[in-house]
Amino acid sequence: YTPAYLYLLWLATLVDGIVSRVTLIKLISIVFDLLSAFFIYKITW
């Protein structure tokens, strides 16, 4: 992958141990699920 995504993985490592690593990796994508939902709200508005 490009550095852009890998930087997000690096940010996740800064809070390693708070939750499982699998969850931390998935939370990156879930944040963007929320961003998608936000813009769908804006578009439909």
All heavy atoms as atom14 arrays in JSON, in Angstrom:
{
  "sequence": "YTPAYLYLLWLATLVDGIVSRVTLIKLISIVFDLLSAFFIYKITW",
  "atom14_mask": [
    [1, 1, 1, 1, 1, 1, 1, 1, 1, 1, 1, 1, 0, 0],
    [1, 1, 1, 1, 1, 1, 1, 0, 0, 0, 0, 0, 0, 0],
    [1, 1, 1, 1, 1, 1, 1, 0, 0, 0, 0, 0, 0, 0],
    [1, 1, 1, 1, 1, 0, 0, 0, 0, 0, 0, 0, 0, 0],
    [1, 1, 1, 1, 1, 1, 1, 1, 1, 1, 1, 1, 0, 0],
    [1, 1, 1, 1, 1, 1, 1, 1, 0, 0, 0, 0, 0, 0],
    [1, 1, 1, 1, 1, 1, 1, 1, 1, 1, 1, 1, 0, 0],
    [1, 1, 1, 1, 1, 1, 1, 1, 0, 0, 0, 0, 0, 0],
    [1, 1, 1, 1, 1, 1, 1, 1, 0, 0, 0, 0, 0, 0],
    [1, 1, 1, 1, 1, 1, 1, 1, 1, 1, 1, 1, 1, 1],
    [1, 1, 1, 1, 1, 1, 1, 1, 0, 0, 0, 0, 0, 0],
    [1, 1, 1, 1, 1, 0, 0, 0, 0, 0, 0, 0, 0, 0],
    [1, 1, 1, 1, 1, 1, 1, 0, 0, 0, 0, 0, 0, 0],
    [1, 1, 1, 1, 1, 1, 1, 1, 0, 0, 0, 0, 0, 0],
    [1, 1, 1, 1, 1, 1, 1, 0, 0, 0, 0, 0, 0, 0],
    [1, 1, 1, 1, 1, 1, 1, 1, 0, 0, 0, 0, 0, 0],
    [1, 1, 1, 1, 0, 0, 0, 0, 0, 0, 0, 0, 0, 0],
    [1, 1, 1, 1, 1, 1, 1, 1, 0, 0, 0, 0, 0, 0],
    [1, 1, 1, 1, 1, 1, 1, 0, 0, 0, 0, 0, 0, 0],
    [1, 1, 1, 1, 1, 1, 0, 0, 0, 0, 0, 0, 0, 0],
    [1, 1, 1, 1, 1, 1, 1, 1, 1, 1, 1, 0, 0, 0],
    [1, 1, 1, 1, 1, 1, 1, 0, 0, 0, 0, 0, 0, 0],
    [1, 1, 1, 1, 1, 1, 1, 0, 0, 0, 0, 0, 0, 0],
    [1, 1, 1, 1, 1, 1, 1, 1, 0, 0, 0, 0, 0, 0],
    [1, 1, 1, 1, 1, 1, 1, 1, 0, 0, 0, 0, 0, 0],
    [1, 1, 1, 1, 1, 1, 1, 1, 1, 0, 0, 0, 0, 0],
    [1, 1, 1, 1, 1, 1, 1, 1, 0, 0, 0, 0, 0, 0],
    [1, 1, 1, 1, 1, 1, 1, 1, 0, 0, 0, 0, 0, 0],
    [1, 1, 1, 1, 1, 1, 0, 0, 0, 0, 0, 0, 0, 0],
    [1, 1, 1, 1, 1, 1, 1, 1, 0, 0, 0, 0, 0, 0],
    [1, 1, 1, 1, 1, 1, 1, 0, 0, 0, 0, 0, 0, 0],
    [1, 1, 1, 1, 1, 1, 1, 1, 1, 1, 1, 0, 0, 0],
    [1, 1, 1, 1, 1, 1, 1, 1, 0, 0, 0, 0, 0, 0],
    [1, 1, 1, 1, 1, 1, 1, 1, 0, 0, 0, 0, 0, 0],
    [1, 1, 1, 1, 1, 1, 1, 1, 0, 0, 0, 0, 0, 0],
    [1, 1, 1, 1, 1, 1, 0, 0, 0, 0, 0, 0, 0, 0],
    [1, 1, 1, 1, 1, 0, 0, 0, 0, 0, 0, 0, 0, 0],
    [1, 1, 1, 1, 1, 1, 1, 1, 1, 1, 1, 0, 0, 0],
    [1, 1, 1, 1, 1, 1, 1, 1, 1, 1, 1, 0, 0, 0],
    [1, 1, 1, 1, 1, 1, 1, 1, 0, 0, 0, 0, 0, 0],
    [1, 1, 1, 1, 1, 1, 1, 1, 1, 1, 1, 1, 0, 0],
    [1, 1, 1, 1, 1, 1, 1, 1, 1, 0, 0, 0, 0, 0],
    [1, 1, 1, 1, 1, 1, 1, 1, 0, 0, 0, 0, 0, 0],
    [1, 1, 1, 1, 1, 1, 1, 0, 0, 0, 0, 0, 0, 0],
    [1, 1, 1, 1, 1, 1, 1, 1, 1, 1, 1, 1, 1, 1]
  ],
  "atom14_positions": [
    [[0.82, -1.2, 0.0], [0.0, 0.0, 0.0], [0.86, 1.26, 0.0], [2.04, 1.24, 0.33], [-0.92, 0.01, 1.22], [-2.12, -0.9, 1.1], [-2.19, -1.89, 0.12], [-3.19, -0.78, 1.97], [-3.29, -2.73, 0.02], [-4.3, -1.63, 1.89], [-4.33, -2.6, 0.9], [-5.42, -3.43, 0.81], [0.0, 0.0, 0.0], [0.0, 0.0, 0.0]],
    [[0.22, 2.36, -0.34], [0.91, 3.65, -0.36], [1.16, 4.14, 1.06], [0.51, 3.7, 2.01], [0.06, 4.71, -1.09], [-1.17, 4.88, -0.4], [-0.2, 4.3, -2.53], [0.0, 0.0, 0.0], [0.0, 0.0, 0.0], [0.0, 0.0, 0.0], [0.0, 0.0, 0.0], [0.0, 0.0, 0.0], [0.0, 0.0, 0.0], [0.0, 0.0, 0.0]],
    [[2.1, 5.08, 1.22], [2.37, 5.61, 2.57], [1.15, 6.19, 3.26], [1.05, 6.12, 4.49], [3.42, 6.69, 2.31], [4.12, 6.24, 1.07], [3.05, 5.6, 0.23], [0.0, 0.0, 0.0], [0.0, 0.0, 0.0], [0.0, 0.0, 0.0], [0.0, 0.0, 0.0], [0.0, 0.0, 0.0], [0.0, 0.0, 0.0], [0.0, 0.0, 0.0]],
    [[0.22, 6.76, 2.5], [-0.95, 7.4, 3.11], [-1.68, 6.46, 4.07], [-1.99, 6.82, 5.2], [-1.91, 7.89, 2.02], [0.0, 0.0, 0.0], [0.0, 0.0, 0.0], [0.0, 0.0, 0.0], [0.0, 0.0, 0.0], [0.0, 0.0, 0.0], [0.0, 0.0, 0.0], [0.0, 0.0, 0.0], [0.0, 0.0, 0.0], [0.0, 0.0, 0.0]],
    [[-1.95, 5.23, 3.63], [-2.62, 4.27, 4.5], [-1.7, 3.78, 5.61], [-2.12, 3.61, 6.75], [-3.15, 3.08, 3.7], [-3.8, 2.04, 4.59], [-5.07, 2.26, 5.11], [-3.14, 0.86, 4.93], [-5.67, 1.33, 5.96], [-3.73, -0.07, 5.77], [-4.99, 0.16, 6.28], [-5.58, -0.75, 7.13], [0.0, 0.0, 0.0], [0.0, 0.0, 0.0]],
    [[-0.44, 3.58, 5.28], [0.5, 3.07, 6.27], [0.71, 4.06, 7.42], [0.98, 3.66, 8.55], [1.83, 2.74, 5.6], [1.75, 1.66, 4.51], [3.11, 1.46, 3.86], [1.23, 0.35, 5.07], [0.0, 0.0, 0.0], [0.0, 0.0, 0.0], [0.0, 0.0, 0.0], [0.0, 0.0, 0.0], [0.0, 0.0, 0.0], [0.0, 0.0, 0.0]],
    [[0.57, 5.37, 7.12], [0.64, 6.35, 8.2], [-0.49, 6.14, 9.2], [-0.31, 6.34, 10.41], [0.55, 7.78, 7.65], [1.68, 8.18, 6.73], [1.46, 9.12, 5.72], [2.95, 7.64, 6.85], [2.49, 9.5, 4.87], [3.98, 8.01, 6.0], [3.74, 8.94, 5.0], [4.76, 9.31, 4.16], [0.0, 0.0, 0.0], [0.0, 0.0, 0.0]],
    [[-1.67, 5.74, 8.71], [-2.79, 5.47, 9.61], [-2.49, 4.26, 10.48], [-2.84, 4.24, 11.67], [-4.07, 5.26, 8.8], [-4.57, 6.46, 7.99], [-5.86, 6.12, 7.27], [-4.77, 7.68, 8.87], [0.0, 0.0, 0.0], [0.0, 0.0, 0.0], [0.0, 0.0, 0.0], [0.0, 0.0, 0.0], [0.0, 0.0, 0.0], [0.0, 0.0, 0.0]],
    [[-1.85, 3.24, 9.89], [-1.43, 2.1, 10.7], [-0.44, 2.53, 11.78], [-0.5, 2.05, 12.92], [-0.78, 1.03, 9.81], [-1.69, 0.09, 9.03], [-0.84, -0.95, 8.29], [-2.7, -0.61, 9.92], [0.0, 0.0, 0.0], [0.0, 0.0, 0.0], [0.0, 0.0, 0.0], [0.0, 0.0, 0.0], [0.0, 0.0, 0.0], [0.0, 0.0, 0.0]],
    [[0.47, 3.42, 11.41], [1.45, 3.93, 12.4], [0.74, 4.65, 13.54], [1.07, 4.45, 14.71], [2.44, 4.87, 11.71], [3.28, 5.63, 12.68], [4.27, 5.14, 13.47], [3.18, 7.04, 12.99], [4.81, 6.15, 14.26], [4.15, 7.32, 13.97], [2.37, 8.07, 12.53], [4.32, 8.6, 14.5], [2.53, 9.34, 13.04], [3.51, 9.59, 14.02]],
    [[-0.26, 5.46, 13.22], [-1.02, 6.15, 14.26], [-1.7, 5.14, 15.18], [-1.77, 5.34, 16.4], [-2.07, 7.08, 13.63], [-1.53, 8.34, 12.96], [-2.66, 9.09, 12.26], [-0.84, 9.25, 13.97], [0.0, 0.0, 0.0], [0.0, 0.0, 0.0], [0.0, 0.0, 0.0], [0.0, 0.0, 0.0], [0.0, 0.0, 0.0], [0.0, 0.0, 0.0]],
    [[-2.17, 4.04, 14.59], [-2.82, 3.0, 15.41], [-1.83, 2.36, 16.37], [-2.18, 2.02, 17.51], [-3.45, 1.94, 14.51], [0.0, 0.0, 0.0], [0.0, 0.0, 0.0], [0.0, 0.0, 0.0], [0.0, 0.0, 0.0], [0.0, 0.0, 0.0], [0.0, 0.0, 0.0], [0.0, 0.0, 0.0], [0.0, 0.0, 0.0], [0.0, 0.0, 0.0]],
    [[-0.57, 2.22, 15.94], [0.43, 1.61, 16.83], [0.71, 2.46, 18.05], [1.19, 1.95, 19.07], [1.76, 1.35, 16.08], [2.36, 2.62, 15.71], [1.55, 0.49, 14.85], [0.0, 0.0, 0.0], [0.0, 0.0, 0.0], [0.0, 0.0, 0.0], [0.0, 0.0, 0.0], [0.0, 0.0, 0.0], [0.0, 0.0, 0.0], [0.0, 0.0, 0.0]],
    [[0.42, 3.77, 17.97], [0.68, 4.66, 19.11], [-0.22, 4.35, 20.29], [0.08, 4.75, 21.43], [0.51, 6.12, 18.67], [1.43, 6.61, 17.55], [1.16, 8.08, 17.24], [2.9, 6.41, 17.92], [0.0, 0.0, 0.0], [0.0, 0.0, 0.0], [0.0, 0.0, 0.0], [0.0, 0.0, 0.0], [0.0, 0.0, 0.0], [0.0, 0.0, 0.0]],
    [[-1.35, 3.68, 20.02], [-2.26, 3.31, 21.12], [-2.34, 1.79, 21.23], [-3.34, 1.25, 21.72], [-3.66, 3.94, 20.9], [-3.6, 5.44, 21.07], [-4.23, 3.57, 19.53], [0.0, 0.0, 0.0], [0.0, 0.0, 0.0], [0.0, 0.0, 0.0], [0.0, 0.0, 0.0], [0.0, 0.0, 0.0], [0.0, 0.0, 0.0], [0.0, 0.0, 0.0]],
    [[-1.3, 1.13, 20.77], [-1.27, -0.34, 20.84], [-1.42, -0.81, 22.28], [-0.8, -0.26, 23.19], [0.05, -0.86, 20.27], [0.11, -2.38, 20.23], [-0.6, -2.95, 19.39], [0.84, -2.97, 21.05], [0.0, 0.0, 0.0], [0.0, 0.0, 0.0], [0.0, 0.0, 0.0], [0.0, 0.0, 0.0], [0.0, 0.0, 0.0], [0.0, 0.0, 0.0]],
    [[-2.27, -1.82, 22.47], [-2.49, -2.37, 23.8], [-3.78, -1.93, 24.44], [-4.27, -2.58, 25.37], [0.0, 0.0, 0.0], [0.0, 0.0, 0.0], [0.0, 0.0, 0.0], [0.0, 0.0, 0.0], [0.0, 0.0, 0.0], [0.0, 0.0, 0.0], [0.0, 0.0, 0.0], [0.0, 0.0, 0.0], [0.0, 0.0, 0.0], [0.0, 0.0, 0.0]],
    [[-4.33, -0.81, 23.97], [-5.61, -0.35, 24.54], [-6.72, -1.33, 24.16], [-7.56, -1.7, 24.99], [-5.92, 1.08, 24.04], [-4.88, 2.06, 24.59], [-7.33, 1.49, 24.44], [-5.08, 3.47, 24.14], [0.0, 0.0, 0.0], [0.0, 0.0, 0.0], [0.0, 0.0, 0.0], [0.0, 0.0, 0.0], [0.0, 0.0, 0.0], [0.0, 0.0, 0.0]],
    [[-6.74, -1.71, 22.89], [-7.63, -2.79, 22.42], [-6.76, -3.71, 21.56], [-5.58, -3.42, 21.31], [-8.83, -2.25, 21.61], [-9.76, -1.44, 22.5], [-8.38, -1.43, 20.42], [0.0, 0.0, 0.0], [0.0, 0.0, 0.0], [0.0, 0.0, 0.0], [0.0, 0.0, 0.0], [0.0, 0.0, 0.0], [0.0, 0.0, 0.0], [0.0, 0.0, 0.0]],
    [[-7.32, -4.79, 21.07], [-6.55, -5.73, 20.27], [-6.07, -5.09, 18.98], [-6.69, -4.14, 18.47], [-7.37, -6.97, 19.94], [-8.36, -6.67, 18.98], [0.0, 0.0, 0.0], [0.0, 0.0, 0.0], [0.0, 0.0, 0.0], [0.0, 0.0, 0.0], [0.0, 0.0, 0.0], [0.0, 0.0, 0.0], [0.0, 0.0, 0.0], [0.0, 0.0, 0.0]],
    [[-4.99, -5.61, 18.44], [-4.45, -5.07, 17.19], [-5.42, -5.25, 16.02], [-5.51, -4.38, 15.15], [-3.11, -5.74, 16.87], [-2.04, -5.43, 17.89], [-0.71, -6.1, 17.56], [0.26, -5.85, 18.62], [1.51, -6.29, 18.61], [1.93, -7.03, 17.58], [2.33, -6.02, 19.61], [0.0, 0.0, 0.0], [0.0, 0.0, 0.0], [0.0, 0.0, 0.0]],
    [[-6.11, -6.35, 16.0], [-7.1, -6.59, 14.94], [-8.16, -5.5, 14.98], [-8.54, -4.93, 13.94], [-7.74, -7.98, 15.1], [-8.86, -8.17, 14.07], [-6.71, -9.09, 14.95], [0.0, 0.0, 0.0], [0.0, 0.0, 0.0], [0.0, 0.0, 0.0], [0.0, 0.0, 0.0], [0.0, 0.0, 0.0], [0.0, 0.0, 0.0], [0.0, 0.0, 0.0]],
    [[-8.62, -5.17, 16.18], [-9.64, -4.13, 16.32], [-9.1, -2.77, 15.92], [-9.78, -1.99, 15.23], [-10.15, -4.08, 17.77], [-10.78, -5.32, 18.09], [-11.14, -2.96, 17.97], [0.0, 0.0, 0.0], [0.0, 0.0, 0.0], [0.0, 0.0, 0.0], [0.0, 0.0, 0.0], [0.0, 0.0, 0.0], [0.0, 0.0, 0.0], [0.0, 0.0, 0.0]],
    [[-7.87, -2.46, 16.31], [-7.28, -1.17, 15.95], [-7.2, -0.99, 14.44], [-7.5, 0.08, 13.9], [-5.88, -1.04, 16.56], [-5.81, -0.65, 18.04], [-4.37, -0.73, 18.53], [-6.38, 0.75, 18.26], [0.0, 0.0, 0.0], [0.0, 0.0, 0.0], [0.0, 0.0, 0.0], [0.0, 0.0, 0.0], [0.0, 0.0, 0.0], [0.0, 0.0, 0.0]],
    [[-6.79, -2.05, 13.74], [-6.69, -1.98, 12.28], [-8.07, -1.76, 11.66], [-8.24, -0.93, 10.75], [-6.04, -3.26, 11.72], [-4.57, -3.34, 12.16], [-6.12, -3.29, 10.2], [-3.91, -4.68, 11.87], [0.0, 0.0, 0.0], [0.0, 0.0, 0.0], [0.0, 0.0, 0.0], [0.0, 0.0, 0.0], [0.0, 0.0, 0.0], [0.0, 0.0, 0.0]],
    [[-9.06, -2.48, 12.16], [-10.41, -2.35, 11.61], [-11.04, -0.99, 11.94], [-11.84, -0.47, 11.16], [-11.29, -3.49, 12.12], [-10.91, -4.85, 11.56], [-11.82, -5.95, 12.07], [-11.48, -7.29, 11.44], [-12.37, -8.38, 11.9], [0.0, 0.0, 0.0], [0.0, 0.0, 0.0], [0.0, 0.0, 0.0], [0.0, 0.0, 0.0], [0.0, 0.0, 0.0]],
    [[-10.68, -0.43, 13.09], [-11.25, 0.86, 13.47], [-10.88, 1.96, 12.49], [-11.61, 2.93, 12.31], [-10.8, 1.23, 14.88], [-11.54, 0.52, 16.03], [-10.91, 0.88, 17.37], [-13.03, 0.85, 16.03], [0.0, 0.0, 0.0], [0.0, 0.0, 0.0], [0.0, 0.0, 0.0], [0.0, 0.0, 0.0], [0.0, 0.0, 0.0], [0.0, 0.0, 0.0]],
    [[-9.71, 1.82, 11.85], [-9.32, 2.81, 10.82], [-10.38, 2.88, 9.74], [-10.86, 3.96, 9.37], [-7.95, 2.44, 10.21], [-6.85, 2.54, 11.26], [-7.64, 3.33, 9.01], [-5.51, 1.98, 10.79], [0.0, 0.0, 0.0], [0.0, 0.0, 0.0], [0.0, 0.0, 0.0], [0.0, 0.0, 0.0], [0.0, 0.0, 0.0], [0.0, 0.0, 0.0]],
    [[-10.78, 1.72, 9.23], [-11.79, 1.67, 8.17], [-13.16, 2.09, 8.67], [-13.93, 2.74, 7.95], [-11.85, 0.27, 7.57], [-10.61, -0.09, 6.99], [0.0, 0.0, 0.0], [0.0, 0.0, 0.0], [0.0, 0.0, 0.0], [0.0, 0.0, 0.0], [0.0, 0.0, 0.0], [0.0, 0.0, 0.0], [0.0, 0.0, 0.0], [0.0, 0.0, 0.0]],
    [[-13.49, 1.73, 9.91], [-14.8, 2.08, 10.46], [-14.94, 3.6, 10.6], [-16.03, 4.15, 10.39], [-15.02, 1.37, 11.81], [-15.15, -0.14, 11.58], [-16.26, 1.9, 12.52], [-15.17, -0.96, 12.86], [0.0, 0.0, 0.0], [0.0, 0.0, 0.0], [0.0, 0.0, 0.0], [0.0, 0.0, 0.0], [0.0, 0.0, 0.0], [0.0, 0.0, 0.0]],
    [[-13.86, 4.28, 10.93], [-13.89, 5.75, 10.98], [-14.31, 6.31, 9.62], [-15.1, 7.26, 9.53], [-12.51, 6.32, 11.4], [-12.45, 7.82, 11.14], [-12.25, 6.02, 12.87], [0.0, 0.0, 0.0], [0.0, 0.0, 0.0], [0.0, 0.0, 0.0], [0.0, 0.0, 0.0], [0.0, 0.0, 0.0], [0.0, 0.0, 0.0], [0.0, 0.0, 0.0]],
    [[-13.82, 5.7, 8.55], [-14.18, 6.18, 7.21], [-15.58, 5.71, 6.8], [-16.21, 6.34, 5.95], [-13.12, 5.77, 6.2], [-11.86, 6.59, 6.32], [-10.82, 6.19, 7.13], [-11.76, 7.8, 5.64], [-9.68, 6.97, 7.25], [-10.62, 8.58, 5.75], [-9.57, 8.17, 6.56], [0.0, 0.0, 0.0], [0.0, 0.0, 0.0], [0.0, 0.0, 0.0]],
    [[-16.07, 4.62, 7.39], [-17.49, 4.28, 7.23], [-18.35, 5.44, 7.74], [-19.35, 5.82, 7.12], [-17.85, 3.02, 8.04], [-17.28, 1.75, 7.45], [-16.82, 1.77, 6.3], [-17.28, 0.73, 8.17], [0.0, 0.0, 0.0], [0.0, 0.0, 0.0], [0.0, 0.0, 0.0], [0.0, 0.0, 0.0], [0.0, 0.0, 0.0], [0.0, 0.0, 0.0]],
    [[-17.94, 5.97, 8.88], [-18.67, 7.11, 9.46], [-18.55, 8.35, 8.59], [-19.52, 9.1, 8.42], [-18.14, 7.4, 10.87], [-18.45, 6.35, 11.93], [-17.64, 6.61, 13.19], [-19.94, 6.35, 12.26], [0.0, 0.0, 0.0], [0.0, 0.0, 0.0], [0.0, 0.0, 0.0], [0.0, 0.0, 0.0], [0.0, 0.0, 0.0], [0.0, 0.0, 0.0]],
    [[-17.36, 8.56, 8.02], [-17.18, 9.72, 7.13], [-18.05, 9.58, 5.89], [-18.65, 10.55, 5.42], [-15.71, 9.87, 6.75], [-15.35, 11.1, 5.92], [-15.66, 12.38, 6.68], [-13.87, 11.07, 5.51], [0.0, 0.0, 0.0], [0.0, 0.0, 0.0], [0.0, 0.0, 0.0], [0.0, 0.0, 0.0], [0.0, 0.0, 0.0], [0.0, 0.0, 0.0]],
    [[-18.13, 8.36, 5.35], [-19.02, 8.11, 4.2], [-20.46, 8.43, 4.58], [-21.19, 9.09, 3.81], [-18.91, 6.65, 3.76], [-17.66, 6.37, 3.2], [0.0, 0.0, 0.0], [0.0, 0.0, 0.0], [0.0, 0.0, 0.0], [0.0, 0.0, 0.0], [0.0, 0.0, 0.0], [0.0, 0.0, 0.0], [0.0, 0.0, 0.0], [0.0, 0.0, 0.0]],
    [[-20.89, 7.96, 5.75], [-22.26, 8.21, 6.2], [-22.52, 9.71, 6.35], [-23.61, 10.2, 6.02], [-22.51, 7.49, 7.52], [0.0, 0.0, 0.0], [0.0, 0.0, 0.0], [0.0, 0.0, 0.0], [0.0, 0.0, 0.0], [0.0, 0.0, 0.0], [0.0, 0.0, 0.0], [0.0, 0.0, 0.0], [0.0, 0.0, 0.0], [0.0, 0.0, 0.0]],
    [[-21.52, 10.44, 6.82], [-21.66, 11.89, 6.97], [-21.89, 12.57, 5.62], [-22.79, 13.4, 5.48], [-20.4, 12.47, 7.64], [-20.33, 13.97, 7.61], [-21.1, 14.73, 8.46], [-19.48, 14.62, 6.71], [-21.05, 16.13, 8.42], [-19.42, 16.01, 6.67], [-20.21, 16.76, 7.53], [0.0, 0.0, 0.0], [0.0, 0.0, 0.0], [0.0, 0.0, 0.0]],
    [[-21.09, 12.2, 4.62], [-21.26, 12.85, 3.31], [-22.53, 12.39, 2.6], [-23.11, 13.16, 1.83], [-20.02, 12.63, 2.44], [-18.92, 13.62, 2.75], [-17.77, 13.23, 3.4], [-19.06, 14.95, 2.4], [-16.77, 14.14, 3.7], [-18.07, 15.88, 2.69], [-16.92, 15.47, 3.34], [0.0, 0.0, 0.0], [0.0, 0.0, 0.0], [0.0, 0.0, 0.0]],
    [[-22.97, 11.17, 2.87], [-24.26, 10.76, 2.32], [-25.38, 11.59, 2.94], [-26.34, 11.98, 2.25], [-24.47, 9.24, 2.54], [-23.59, 8.46, 1.57], [-25.94, 8.85, 2.38], [-23.64, 6.98, 1.71], [0.0, 0.0, 0.0], [0.0, 0.0, 0.0], [0.0, 0.0, 0.0], [0.0, 0.0, 0.0], [0.0, 0.0, 0.0], [0.0, 0.0, 0.0]],
    [[-25.25, 11.88, 4.22], [-26.21, 12.78, 4.87], [-26.21, 14.15, 4.17], [-27.26, 14.7, 3.85], [-25.85, 12.93, 6.34], [-26.78, 13.86, 7.1], [-27.93, 13.38, 7.71], [-26.49, 15.23, 7.2], [-28.78, 14.23, 8.41], [-27.34, 16.09, 7.89], [-28.48, 15.58, 8.49], [-29.33, 16.43, 9.16], [0.0, 0.0, 0.0], [0.0, 0.0, 0.0]],
    [[-25.0, 14.69, 3.95], [-24.88, 16.01, 3.32], [-25.45, 16.01, 1.9], [-26.11, 16.97, 1.49], [-23.41, 16.43, 3.3], [-22.78, 16.62, 4.67], [-23.21, 17.91, 5.32], [-22.53, 19.11, 4.7], [-22.9, 20.38, 5.39], [0.0, 0.0, 0.0], [0.0, 0.0, 0.0], [0.0, 0.0, 0.0], [0.0, 0.0, 0.0], [0.0, 0.0, 0.0]],
    [[-25.16, 14.95, 1.16], [-25.64, 14.86, -0.23], [-27.16, 14.76, -0.25], [-27.83, 15.47, -1.02], [-25.0, 13.66, -0.95], [-23.5, 13.91, -1.19], [-25.7, 13.38, -2.28], [-22.74, 12.69, -1.65], [0.0, 0.0, 0.0], [0.0, 0.0, 0.0], [0.0, 0.0, 0.0], [0.0, 0.0, 0.0], [0.0, 0.0, 0.0], [0.0, 0.0, 0.0]],
    [[-27.71, 13.88, 0.58], [-29.16, 13.67, 0.57], [-29.9, 14.9, 1.09], [-31.03, 15.18, 0.67], [-29.52, 12.44, 1.43], [-28.64, 11.36, 1.1], [-30.93, 11.99, 1.15], [0.0, 0.0, 0.0], [0.0, 0.0, 0.0], [0.0, 0.0, 0.0], [0.0, 0.0, 0.0], [0.0, 0.0, 0.0], [0.0, 0.0, 0.0], [0.0, 0.0, 0.0]],
    [[-29.25, 15.65, 1.97], [-29.86, 16.89, 2.48], [-30.13, 17.88, 1.35], [-31.07, 18.69, 1.43], [-28.93, 17.52, 3.52], [-29.45, 18.79, 4.14], [-29.26, 20.07, 3.68], [-30.24, 18.91, 5.32], [-29.87, 20.98, 4.5], [-30.49, 20.29, 5.51], [-30.76, 17.99, 6.22], [-31.23, 20.76, 6.58], [-31.51, 18.47, 7.29], [-31.74, 19.84, 7.46]]
  ]
}
